[in-house]
Amino acid sequence: MLSSFTFFLVSSLNAQKYIPADPFDLKLFERNQFLDETNVQNSATFIRPFFIQDKTQFQIKLTSEFYFNNGLPNQENMDVRYFGKGIGRFVSFRATYLGKYLSFVFEPYHLSGQNQTVDEISRTGPYVVLNDYRIIPSENFSKGGLRQAAAFIHWKGLGLGYGKLNNWWGEGQHTAIAMTNNTHAFNAYNLGTIKELRWKNIGVMGRYVFAKLNEFEDFRAIYYTSLTVGGTYYGKTILSLGLSRNYLSGGMDVGVQWKAKDAAQLVFEGLFVENIEKLKYTVDGHDPFDQTLEGFFSLTFPESKMKIFFEIGINDHRQNMVDLISQPDHAMATIIGFRKYGMFGYDNYYLGFEYLNLTKGKFWGQRATPNFYDRANYNHFSFEGRRWGAHSGSDSDDLLIEFGYLSSNASFIPRLNFERHGVIAHQPAEVKIELGFEVSFILRNMRWVLIYESENARHLGFPQDNVYAGVITGKRKLQTCIFRFEYLLK
C-alpha cells in the first residue's frame, strides 16, 4: 500500500528543503548541487541547519533505524540516538515549514534498546564524556521526547527563534571544533539567518545563540553564548570565510553578581587580555570562563566538483597581538579537509578527507595552556553526557578517509577512521581504528541505508604500558550495524 501511494508523489529525497545539523545528508546535498540536480540555488553549509527557499513550504520526513551493537556505544554525531549493546530501534517524525514570516521545525522521537550491561572504561578528567559510556544505565529501556522543536519569526530569512535545535559550525561532515550534533539539542534563543541571504554573487549567514544549560537561578547557573557569522563570494571559484566565538560562563562565584544579561554580552567583548583587564569579573586580567574562538575558510570549485576547507580555533585569551603572533600554536586546534565529487572523470565517484588536530601545543609544559574542553565545572563542554564539540575530545586527533560510489539515487562508500585520545598527556595514547561502509538506495521519496562499522581499539583507559617494548593492553573490538529507512512527504 505504501509503495502504491508513493507512486503518485512527485517529491524525492533529493528535494529536501531543510538541511539539518546532522551531517548524514551533506555529501548527497553537495554532490547534487554540483551536478545541478536539486533545482535550487547553491548555498553555503558552514552554519547548519538552514532552509532552502523555493515553492515548497511544508515537508514531513519519517526516519526509522534498527541497530545491532555487540559492545559499548561508540557512535559519533548521533544527537539523541544512543545505541548500546544488543538490538534497538529509533523512530522520528520531522515536520518543517518555511513561510513568509513564520518557520518551524518539530520532530518527536522514540528510542528503545536492550542496552545490555558491559564493562565501561575507567578514565578521569575530560575523557569521561567520550562517546563510549552508558549514559542510559537501564537495560531494555524505552524513551521518547523531542529531538528538535523550534520556531522562528523572520523577514526574508532574518529573524528571531526559540527552541531545541541541533547546530553545526564549520564545513566538516565528521567533526568540528566548536559545535556538532554529537549531543542532545538544548533550548536556546536564536537570532540571525535561517537561510543564506543573497545579494547578486554575495551570500551571508549569521547566527547568535544564547542558552541556559541548567536549572539554577543563582551563581550556579551556566550559560552558553555563541556568535557565528560568515560570507560567501559566488564566482567561478566559491570562497567562504567565517568566524565563530563560543562562551561557557557562570557556574561559579566570581565575586560579582553574574546574570543572563552579562553572559549574553560576552561574545562582544575584546579579543585580548589587554582589552578585558578592567572588567568587573576578571582576575589579573583573566576571566574564569571557557572561550572557544574559531575561524573557517573554504574554496569550492564547481567545475571540478571539489570543496577544500580549513578551520583554526583557540581556547584561550591571548595577552595581545604580539602574543598571538609569537606563539600561534598555543591552545590551538585545526581541521583540514576536502570533498571531491566526480573522480577520474566519472560523476559518481567520491573521495573525502578530514583531519582534526586538538593535541596540546609544544608550549603546554612551560606555559599554562587550557586544554580544549577541559573544564570540569562545565562538564567538559558536554550536555546530557555527550560533548557538543569534537567527539574525539581533549588532546586528540581524528582522521577520516572515505572513497566510493555516490550518485543521486545510490551509494557505496567505504571509510577509514583513525582516532587518538590523550596524544600528548598520556604515554601511550588511546588508539581507535574504525573500518566501515555505507550503502544506500533511493527510490522516489524513499531511502534505504545500511551502515556497518568495525572498531579495533587499544590502550583504552591509558594503561602504563611499556610502549617501546611493544606491549599492548586495553584492547577492544566492536561491531555496529544500522539499517535506516527514510520517507519524505511534502
Protein backbone atom coordinates (compact mmCIF):
# COMPACT_ATOMS: atom_id res chain seq x y z
CA MET A 1 0.00 0.00 0.00
CA LEU A 2 2.82 2.37 0.87
CA SER A 3 4.58 1.71 -2.43
CA SER A 4 1.36 2.31 -4.36
CA PHE A 5 0.82 5.61 -2.58
CA THR A 6 4.32 6.91 -3.21
CA PHE A 7 3.93 6.23 -6.94
CA PHE A 8 1.75 9.33 -7.17
CA LEU A 9 4.11 11.63 -5.27
CA VAL A 10 6.44 13.92 -7.18
CA SER A 11 8.80 14.61 -4.30
CA SER A 12 12.05 12.77 -3.70
CA LEU A 13 14.75 12.58 -1.04
CA ASN A 14 16.84 14.90 -3.22
CA ALA A 15 14.19 17.61 -2.81
CA GLN A 16 14.73 18.31 0.86
CA LYS A 17 14.32 21.99 1.69
CA TYR A 18 15.66 21.79 5.23
CA ILE A 19 19.32 20.85 5.72
CA PRO A 20 19.81 19.70 9.35
CA ALA A 21 22.90 19.89 11.54
CA ASP A 22 23.21 16.12 11.19
CA PRO A 23 25.91 15.65 8.50
CA PHE A 24 24.35 12.44 7.22
CA ASP A 25 22.97 14.06 4.04
CA LEU A 26 25.71 16.63 3.48
CA LYS A 27 27.60 14.70 0.78
CA LEU A 28 24.45 14.00 -1.20
CA PHE A 29 23.35 17.64 -0.96
CA GLU A 30 26.71 18.96 -2.18
CA ARG A 31 27.04 16.38 -4.94
CA ASN A 32 23.58 17.12 -6.36
CA GLN A 33 24.21 20.87 -6.26
CA PHE A 34 27.46 20.44 -8.18
CA LEU A 35 25.60 18.47 -10.84
CA ASP A 36 22.56 20.80 -10.78
CA GLU A 37 20.21 18.02 -9.71
CA THR A 38 18.46 19.96 -6.92
CA ASN A 39 16.96 22.81 -8.99
CA VAL A 40 17.73 25.23 -6.16
CA GLN A 41 20.31 27.94 -5.69
CA ASN A 42 23.69 26.85 -4.33
CA SER A 43 24.10 27.52 -0.63
CA ALA A 44 26.97 27.71 1.85
CA THR A 45 26.97 25.00 4.52
CA PHE A 46 29.18 26.35 7.34
CA ILE A 47 26.14 27.12 9.55
CA ARG A 48 23.66 24.27 9.81
CA PRO A 49 20.71 23.80 9.95
CA PHE A 50 19.28 26.06 7.27
CA PHE A 51 16.30 26.29 4.95
CA ILE A 52 16.34 26.47 1.15
CA GLN A 53 13.79 28.81 -0.38
CA ASP A 54 11.57 27.51 -3.16
CA LYS A 55 7.87 26.88 -3.78
CA THR A 56 7.75 24.06 -1.25
CA GLN A 57 6.91 25.37 2.21
CA PHE A 58 5.97 22.29 4.24
CA GLN A 59 7.65 18.88 4.42
CA ILE A 60 7.36 15.80 6.59
CA LYS A 61 10.11 13.23 6.98
CA LEU A 62 9.85 9.88 8.73
CA THR A 63 13.09 8.21 9.85
CA SER A 64 13.32 4.71 11.28
CA GLU A 65 16.55 2.98 12.36
CA PHE A 66 17.20 -0.57 13.54
CA TYR A 67 20.59 -1.34 15.02
CA PHE A 68 22.75 -4.10 16.40
CA ASN A 69 25.83 -3.42 18.52
CA ASN A 70 27.98 -6.07 20.23
CA GLY A 71 29.56 -3.84 22.90
CA LEU A 72 29.80 -0.33 24.30
CA PRO A 73 28.04 2.51 22.47
CA ASN A 74 30.55 4.45 20.38
CA GLN A 75 28.77 6.19 17.52
CA GLU A 76 29.52 9.86 16.85
CA ASN A 77 27.25 12.78 15.90
CA MET A 78 24.07 10.91 16.80
CA ASP A 79 22.27 13.58 18.91
CA VAL A 80 19.50 11.77 20.87
CA ARG A 81 20.24 8.40 19.26
CA TYR A 82 22.01 6.05 21.64
CA PHE A 83 22.93 2.54 20.52
CA GLY A 84 24.06 0.35 23.43
CA LYS A 85 24.89 -3.35 23.41
CA GLY A 86 22.27 -5.53 21.78
CA ILE A 87 19.49 -4.54 19.42
CA GLY A 88 17.33 -1.45 19.37
CA ARG A 89 15.20 0.95 17.38
CA PHE A 90 14.87 4.67 16.74
CA VAL A 91 11.89 6.40 15.09
CA SER A 92 11.36 10.11 14.45
CA PHE A 93 8.78 12.22 12.64
CA ARG A 94 10.07 15.62 11.45
CA ALA A 95 7.84 18.41 10.19
CA THR A 96 9.43 21.57 8.75
CA TYR A 97 7.78 24.73 7.47
CA LEU A 98 9.21 27.84 5.81
CA GLY A 99 6.61 30.56 5.50
CA LYS A 100 6.80 34.23 4.67
CA TYR A 101 7.08 35.32 8.30
CA LEU A 102 6.99 32.09 10.34
CA SER A 103 9.10 28.94 10.17
CA PHE A 104 9.39 25.94 12.42
CA VAL A 105 10.97 22.54 12.96
CA PHE A 106 9.13 19.93 15.02
CA GLU A 107 10.50 16.39 15.45
CA PRO A 108 9.27 13.98 18.15
CA TYR A 109 11.14 10.70 18.51
CA HIS A 110 11.09 7.33 20.26
CA LEU A 111 14.18 5.30 21.14
CA SER A 112 14.39 1.80 22.63
CA GLY A 113 17.09 -0.81 23.07
CA GLN A 114 18.34 -3.80 25.03
CA ASN A 115 21.35 -1.79 26.26
CA GLN A 116 22.90 -4.84 27.88
CA THR A 117 25.38 -4.39 30.71
CA VAL A 118 29.01 -4.18 29.59
CA ASP A 119 32.23 -3.20 31.37
CA GLU A 120 32.99 0.50 31.00
CA ILE A 121 36.38 2.16 30.74
CA SER A 122 37.88 3.90 33.74
CA ARG A 123 39.04 7.39 32.81
CA THR A 124 39.27 10.78 34.51
CA GLY A 125 39.01 14.44 33.56
CA PRO A 126 37.67 15.44 30.15
CA TYR A 127 37.79 11.83 28.92
CA VAL A 128 34.72 10.86 30.99
CA VAL A 129 32.41 12.30 28.32
CA LEU A 130 33.77 10.37 25.35
CA ASN A 131 31.07 8.51 23.43
CA ASP A 132 31.76 5.01 24.79
CA TYR A 133 29.92 5.37 28.11
CA ARG A 134 26.47 4.05 29.01
CA ILE A 135 24.64 7.35 29.51
CA ILE A 136 21.40 5.35 29.85
CA PRO A 137 22.01 2.97 32.78
CA SER A 138 18.96 0.69 32.47
CA GLU A 139 18.57 -2.35 30.27
CA ASN A 140 15.59 -2.78 27.92
CA PHE A 141 14.87 0.95 28.05
CA SER A 142 12.24 2.88 26.14
CA LYS A 143 12.15 6.66 25.98
CA GLY A 144 10.86 9.47 23.82
CA GLY A 145 10.63 13.20 23.54
CA LEU A 146 11.52 15.98 21.15
CA ARG A 147 14.62 15.60 19.04
CA GLN A 148 14.08 19.15 17.75
CA ALA A 149 11.35 21.74 18.30
CA ALA A 150 11.96 25.37 17.37
CA ALA A 151 10.03 28.24 15.81
CA PHE A 152 11.26 31.40 14.06
CA ILE A 153 9.66 34.73 13.31
CA HIS A 154 11.55 36.19 10.37
CA TRP A 155 11.52 38.55 7.44
CA LYS A 156 13.08 37.17 4.27
CA GLY A 157 15.11 34.67 6.30
CA LEU A 158 16.34 37.05 9.03
CA GLY A 159 14.70 36.85 12.44
CA LEU A 160 14.35 35.50 15.96
CA GLY A 161 13.66 31.98 17.15
CA TYR A 162 13.47 29.86 20.28
CA GLY A 163 13.51 26.17 20.93
CA LYS A 164 15.50 22.98 20.86
CA LEU A 165 17.70 22.78 17.79
CA ASN A 166 20.90 20.92 16.91
CA ASN A 167 23.56 23.12 15.31
CA TRP A 168 26.84 22.64 13.45
CA TRP A 169 29.51 25.29 12.91
CA GLY A 170 32.04 24.67 10.13
CA GLU A 171 32.44 22.79 6.86
CA GLY A 172 33.22 19.33 8.25
CA GLN A 173 30.97 16.28 7.98
CA HIS A 174 32.79 14.16 10.58
CA THR A 175 33.91 16.66 13.20
CA ALA A 176 34.07 20.34 14.15
CA ILE A 177 35.87 22.37 16.78
CA ALA A 178 33.08 24.44 18.33
CA MET A 179 29.70 22.82 17.61
CA THR A 180 28.41 19.49 16.30
CA ASN A 181 25.26 17.40 16.75
CA ASN A 182 27.15 14.89 18.89
CA THR A 183 24.81 15.54 21.83
CA HIS A 184 21.19 16.38 22.56
CA ALA A 185 19.94 19.75 21.41
CA PHE A 186 19.29 22.26 24.20
CA ASN A 187 16.71 25.04 24.38
CA ALA A 188 18.15 28.34 23.16
CA TYR A 189 17.32 31.71 21.69
CA ASN A 190 18.45 32.13 18.08
CA LEU A 191 18.91 35.47 16.35
CA GLY A 192 20.06 35.72 12.74
CA THR A 193 19.58 33.93 9.45
CA ILE A 194 17.60 30.73 8.91
CA LYS A 195 18.77 30.57 5.29
CA GLU A 196 21.54 32.17 3.31
CA LEU A 197 20.82 35.78 2.37
CA ARG A 198 21.93 36.56 -1.19
CA TRP A 199 22.70 39.80 -2.99
CA LYS A 200 23.83 39.00 -6.53
CA ASN A 201 27.04 36.97 -6.03
CA ILE A 202 27.40 37.60 -2.28
CA GLY A 203 25.89 35.34 0.39
CA VAL A 204 25.70 35.97 4.13
CA MET A 205 24.87 33.67 7.06
CA GLY A 206 24.99 34.50 10.75
CA ARG A 207 23.56 33.17 13.99
CA TYR A 208 23.65 34.33 17.61
CA VAL A 209 22.69 31.62 20.12
CA PHE A 210 22.04 32.05 23.83
CA ALA A 211 21.06 29.26 26.23
CA LYS A 212 20.83 28.47 29.93
CA LEU A 213 22.10 24.92 30.46
CA ASN A 214 20.88 24.08 33.97
CA GLU A 215 18.02 24.81 36.35
CA PHE A 216 19.81 27.14 38.80
CA GLU A 217 18.95 30.82 39.13
CA ASP A 218 21.87 31.93 41.31
CA PHE A 219 25.64 31.96 40.64
CA ARG A 220 25.47 28.25 39.78
CA ALA A 221 23.54 28.97 36.58
CA ILE A 222 25.57 28.03 33.47
CA TYR A 223 25.12 29.88 30.17
CA TYR A 224 26.13 29.15 26.60
CA THR A 225 26.66 32.11 24.26
CA SER A 226 27.69 31.85 20.62
CA LEU A 227 28.10 34.17 17.65
CA THR A 228 28.87 32.65 14.24
CA VAL A 229 28.99 34.76 11.08
CA GLY A 230 30.33 34.27 7.59
CA GLY A 231 30.13 35.35 3.98
CA THR A 232 30.46 33.66 0.60
CA TYR A 233 31.50 35.01 -2.77
CA TYR A 234 29.95 33.09 -5.68
CA GLY A 235 32.23 33.27 -8.68
CA LYS A 236 33.96 30.74 -10.87
CA THR A 237 35.58 29.73 -7.57
CA ILE A 238 33.32 29.99 -4.49
CA LEU A 239 35.04 31.47 -1.44
CA SER A 240 33.61 31.29 2.11
CA LEU A 241 35.02 32.96 5.22
CA GLY A 242 33.60 32.77 8.73
CA LEU A 243 34.19 33.27 12.43
CA SER A 244 32.62 31.61 15.47
CA ARG A 245 33.02 32.74 19.08
CA ASN A 246 31.59 30.47 21.79
CA TYR A 247 31.44 31.01 25.56
CA LEU A 248 30.50 28.96 28.59
CA SER A 249 30.06 31.19 31.65
CA GLY A 250 28.61 31.21 35.14
CA GLY A 251 28.51 28.15 37.35
CA MET A 252 30.85 29.69 39.93
CA ASP A 253 31.14 32.60 42.32
CA VAL A 254 33.20 35.28 40.53
CA GLY A 255 32.81 37.87 43.30
CA VAL A 256 30.13 39.83 41.45
CA GLN A 257 26.55 39.05 40.56
CA TRP A 258 26.50 37.17 37.24
CA LYS A 259 23.24 37.26 35.31
CA ALA A 260 21.93 36.15 31.93
CA LYS A 261 22.37 39.65 30.52
CA ASP A 262 26.07 39.55 31.45
CA ALA A 263 26.55 36.17 29.77
CA ALA A 264 24.64 37.31 26.69
CA GLN A 265 27.19 40.08 26.01
CA LEU A 266 30.39 38.00 26.34
CA VAL A 267 30.85 37.34 22.64
CA PHE A 268 31.05 41.09 22.00
CA GLU A 269 33.90 41.81 24.44
CA GLY A 270 37.53 42.40 23.40
CA LEU A 271 39.57 39.54 21.98
CA PHE A 272 42.76 40.08 24.05
CA VAL A 273 43.50 40.10 27.77
CA GLU A 274 44.57 43.73 27.49
CA ASN A 275 41.01 44.55 26.36
CA ILE A 276 39.26 42.99 29.39
CA GLU A 277 41.67 43.70 32.28
CA LYS A 278 39.39 46.28 33.89
CA LEU A 279 36.11 44.37 33.58
CA LYS A 280 34.36 43.57 36.86
CA TYR A 281 34.56 39.78 36.60
CA THR A 282 38.23 39.41 35.63
CA VAL A 283 41.09 38.49 37.98
CA ASP A 284 44.52 39.77 36.98
CA GLY A 285 43.05 40.48 33.59
CA HIS A 286 41.71 36.95 33.03
CA ASP A 287 38.17 35.66 33.17
CA PRO A 288 37.40 32.23 34.71
CA PHE A 289 35.10 31.16 31.89
CA ASP A 290 35.65 28.97 28.82
CA GLN A 291 36.00 30.53 25.38
CA THR A 292 36.44 28.87 22.00
CA LEU A 293 37.23 31.13 19.06
CA GLU A 294 37.21 29.57 15.61
CA GLY A 295 37.77 30.80 12.06
CA PHE A 296 36.93 28.78 8.95
CA PHE A 297 37.77 29.11 5.29
CA SER A 298 36.73 27.12 2.24
CA LEU A 299 37.26 27.13 -1.51
CA THR A 300 34.71 25.41 -3.74
CA PHE A 301 35.46 24.66 -7.40
CA PRO A 302 32.14 23.95 -9.17
CA GLU A 303 33.77 22.90 -12.45
CA SER A 304 35.94 20.27 -10.75
CA LYS A 305 33.23 19.49 -8.14
CA MET A 306 35.55 19.93 -5.18
CA LYS A 307 35.49 21.71 -1.82
CA ILE A 308 38.65 22.37 0.23
CA PHE A 309 38.31 23.71 3.77
CA PHE A 310 40.46 24.77 6.70
CA GLU A 311 39.47 25.67 10.26
CA ILE A 312 41.54 27.02 13.12
CA GLY A 313 40.48 27.54 16.73
CA ILE A 314 41.95 28.75 20.00
CA ASN A 315 40.81 28.03 23.53
CA ASP A 316 42.29 30.98 25.40
CA HIS A 317 42.53 34.76 25.50
CA ARG A 318 45.88 35.96 24.20
CA GLN A 319 47.59 38.80 26.01
CA ASN A 320 47.78 40.89 22.82
CA MET A 321 48.54 40.64 19.12
CA VAL A 322 52.27 40.17 19.82
CA ASP A 323 51.47 37.11 21.94
CA LEU A 324 49.28 35.67 19.19
CA ILE A 325 51.98 36.13 16.54
CA SER A 326 54.89 34.86 18.66
CA GLN A 327 53.23 31.62 19.84
CA PRO A 328 50.41 30.94 17.37
CA ASP A 329 50.06 27.26 18.29
CA HIS A 330 49.33 27.97 21.99
CA ALA A 331 45.96 26.37 22.83
CA MET A 332 45.26 25.90 19.13
CA ALA A 333 43.21 23.38 17.12
CA THR A 334 42.95 22.85 13.36
CA ILE A 335 40.86 20.98 10.82
CA ILE A 336 41.85 20.45 7.21
CA GLY A 337 39.82 18.55 4.65
CA PHE A 338 38.31 18.23 1.20
CA ARG A 339 35.44 16.54 -0.57
CA LYS A 340 35.85 15.68 -4.27
CA TYR A 341 32.91 14.60 -6.40
CA GLY A 342 33.50 13.17 -9.86
CA MET A 343 36.81 11.33 -9.52
CA PHE A 344 38.63 10.09 -12.64
CA GLY A 345 36.13 11.82 -14.92
CA TYR A 346 33.12 9.92 -13.54
CA ASP A 347 30.40 11.99 -11.83
CA ASN A 348 29.55 9.27 -9.34
CA TYR A 349 32.95 8.59 -7.76
CA TYR A 350 33.64 10.40 -4.50
CA LEU A 351 36.68 10.99 -2.24
CA GLY A 352 36.60 12.66 1.18
CA PHE A 353 39.30 13.53 3.71
CA GLU A 354 39.26 15.26 7.13
CA TYR A 355 41.91 15.64 9.79
CA LEU A 356 41.34 17.29 13.17
CA ASN A 357 44.24 18.15 15.50
CA LEU A 358 43.28 19.03 19.07
CA THR A 359 46.55 17.95 20.66
CA LYS A 360 48.26 20.22 23.17
CA GLY A 361 50.79 22.65 21.72
CA LYS A 362 54.55 22.41 22.21
CA PHE A 363 54.49 25.08 24.96
CA TRP A 364 52.00 23.27 27.20
CA GLY A 365 54.68 22.20 29.70
CA GLN A 366 56.14 25.70 30.12
CA ARG A 367 53.03 27.85 29.81
CA ALA A 368 49.60 27.46 31.38
CA THR A 369 47.66 26.03 28.46
CA PRO A 370 43.91 25.41 28.76
CA ASN A 371 43.20 22.08 27.10
CA PHE A 372 40.24 22.11 24.74
CA TYR A 373 37.01 21.12 26.57
CA ASP A 374 38.90 20.51 29.84
CA ARG A 375 36.65 22.36 32.29
CA ALA A 376 35.12 20.15 34.98
CA ASN A 377 32.77 22.91 36.18
CA TYR A 378 31.22 22.96 32.69
CA ASN A 379 31.03 19.18 32.37
CA HIS A 380 33.87 19.34 29.85
CA PHE A 381 31.83 21.07 27.15
CA SER A 382 29.10 18.42 27.35
CA PHE A 383 25.34 18.16 27.69
CA GLU A 384 23.41 15.03 28.65
CA GLY A 385 26.66 13.05 28.82
CA ARG A 386 27.99 13.87 25.34
CA ARG A 387 30.29 16.65 24.12
CA TRP A 388 28.90 19.10 21.55
CA GLY A 389 32.38 19.99 20.29
CA ALA A 390 34.58 17.44 18.54
CA HIS A 391 33.56 13.95 19.70
CA SER A 392 37.23 12.85 19.95
CA GLY A 393 37.65 15.33 22.81
CA SER A 394 40.59 16.90 24.59
CA ASP A 395 44.20 16.33 23.47
CA SER A 396 43.09 14.22 20.49
CA ASP A 397 43.38 13.89 16.76
CA ASP A 398 40.94 12.36 14.31
CA LEU A 399 41.45 11.27 10.69
CA LEU A 400 38.72 10.27 8.22
CA ILE A 401 39.27 8.95 4.69
CA GLU A 402 36.42 7.68 2.52
CA PHE A 403 36.14 6.75 -1.13
CA GLY A 404 33.39 5.16 -3.14
CA TYR A 405 30.33 5.47 -5.34
CA LEU A 406 27.82 8.29 -4.79
CA SER A 407 25.02 9.06 -7.23
CA SER A 408 21.69 10.83 -6.83
CA ASN A 409 19.94 7.57 -6.00
CA ALA A 410 22.57 5.12 -4.70
CA SER A 411 25.85 4.96 -2.82
CA PHE A 412 28.54 2.59 -1.63
CA ILE A 413 31.21 4.40 0.40
CA PRO A 414 33.83 2.51 2.46
CA ARG A 415 35.63 4.59 5.11
CA LEU A 416 38.59 4.53 7.47
CA ASN A 417 38.66 6.47 10.74
CA PHE A 418 41.80 6.73 12.89
CA GLU A 419 41.33 8.46 16.25
CA ARG A 420 43.60 9.03 19.28
CA HIS A 421 42.93 10.39 22.78
CA GLY A 422 45.49 11.80 25.22
CA VAL A 423 48.10 12.15 22.48
CA ILE A 424 50.48 14.43 24.42
CA ALA A 425 49.40 14.00 28.04
CA HIS A 426 49.49 10.19 28.10
CA GLN A 427 52.02 7.55 27.07
CA PRO A 428 50.71 5.67 25.22
CA ALA A 429 47.66 7.42 23.83
CA GLU A 430 44.40 5.60 23.29
CA VAL A 431 44.11 4.44 19.67
CA LYS A 432 40.89 3.65 17.82
CA ILE A 433 40.77 2.34 14.24
CA GLU A 434 37.39 2.00 12.55
CA LEU A 435 36.64 0.41 9.19
CA GLY A 436 33.16 0.62 7.77
CA PHE A 437 30.92 1.37 4.84
CA GLU A 438 27.62 2.97 3.93
CA VAL A 439 25.27 1.55 1.29
CA SER A 440 22.13 3.43 0.29
CA PHE A 441 19.41 3.30 -2.33
CA ILE A 442 16.80 5.97 -3.15
CA LEU A 443 13.54 5.31 -4.94
CA ARG A 444 11.50 8.48 -5.42
CA ASN A 445 10.81 9.65 -1.86
CA MET A 446 12.08 6.57 -0.01
CA ARG A 447 15.64 5.83 1.03
CA TRP A 448 17.16 2.65 2.45
CA VAL A 449 20.57 2.83 4.12
CA LEU A 450 22.85 0.17 5.62
CA ILE A 451 25.77 1.35 7.78
CA TYR A 452 28.37 -1.07 9.10
CA GLU A 453 31.31 -0.23 11.34
CA SER A 454 34.05 -2.38 12.87
CA GLU A 455 36.21 -0.85 15.60
CA ASN A 456 39.58 -2.07 16.85
CA ALA A 457 40.91 -0.09 19.84
CA ARG A 458 43.87 -0.38 22.21
CA HIS A 459 45.44 1.29 25.25
CA LEU A 460 41.94 2.15 26.49
CA GLY A 461 41.95 3.81 29.89
CA PHE A 462 45.59 4.94 29.41
CA PRO A 463 47.35 1.92 30.97
CA GLN A 464 51.02 2.42 31.82
CA ASP A 465 52.31 0.22 29.01
CA ASN A 466 55.94 -0.06 28.08
CA VAL A 467 55.05 1.07 24.60
CA TYR A 468 58.64 0.84 23.35
CA ALA A 469 58.65 -2.89 24.14
CA GLY A 470 55.51 -3.34 22.08
CA VAL A 471 53.16 -4.13 24.98
CA ILE A 472 49.51 -3.66 24.00
CA THR A 473 46.78 -3.62 26.63
CA GLY A 474 43.31 -2.16 26.96
CA LYS A 475 42.09 -3.88 23.79
CA ARG A 476 38.54 -3.71 22.45
CA LYS A 477 36.71 -4.83 19.31
CA LEU A 478 33.22 -3.58 18.44
CA GLN A 479 30.85 -4.10 15.57
CA THR A 480 27.81 -1.98 14.81
CA CYS A 481 25.21 -2.39 12.09
CA ILE A 482 22.46 0.18 11.44
CA PHE A 483 19.60 -0.19 8.97
CA ARG A 484 17.91 3.14 8.23
CA PHE A 485 14.71 3.91 6.34
CA GLU A 486 13.60 7.44 5.37
CA TYR A 487 10.32 8.56 3.86
CA LEU A 488 9.77 12.14 2.67
CA LEU A 489 6.32 13.61 2.16
CA LYS A 490 5.58 17.17 1.04
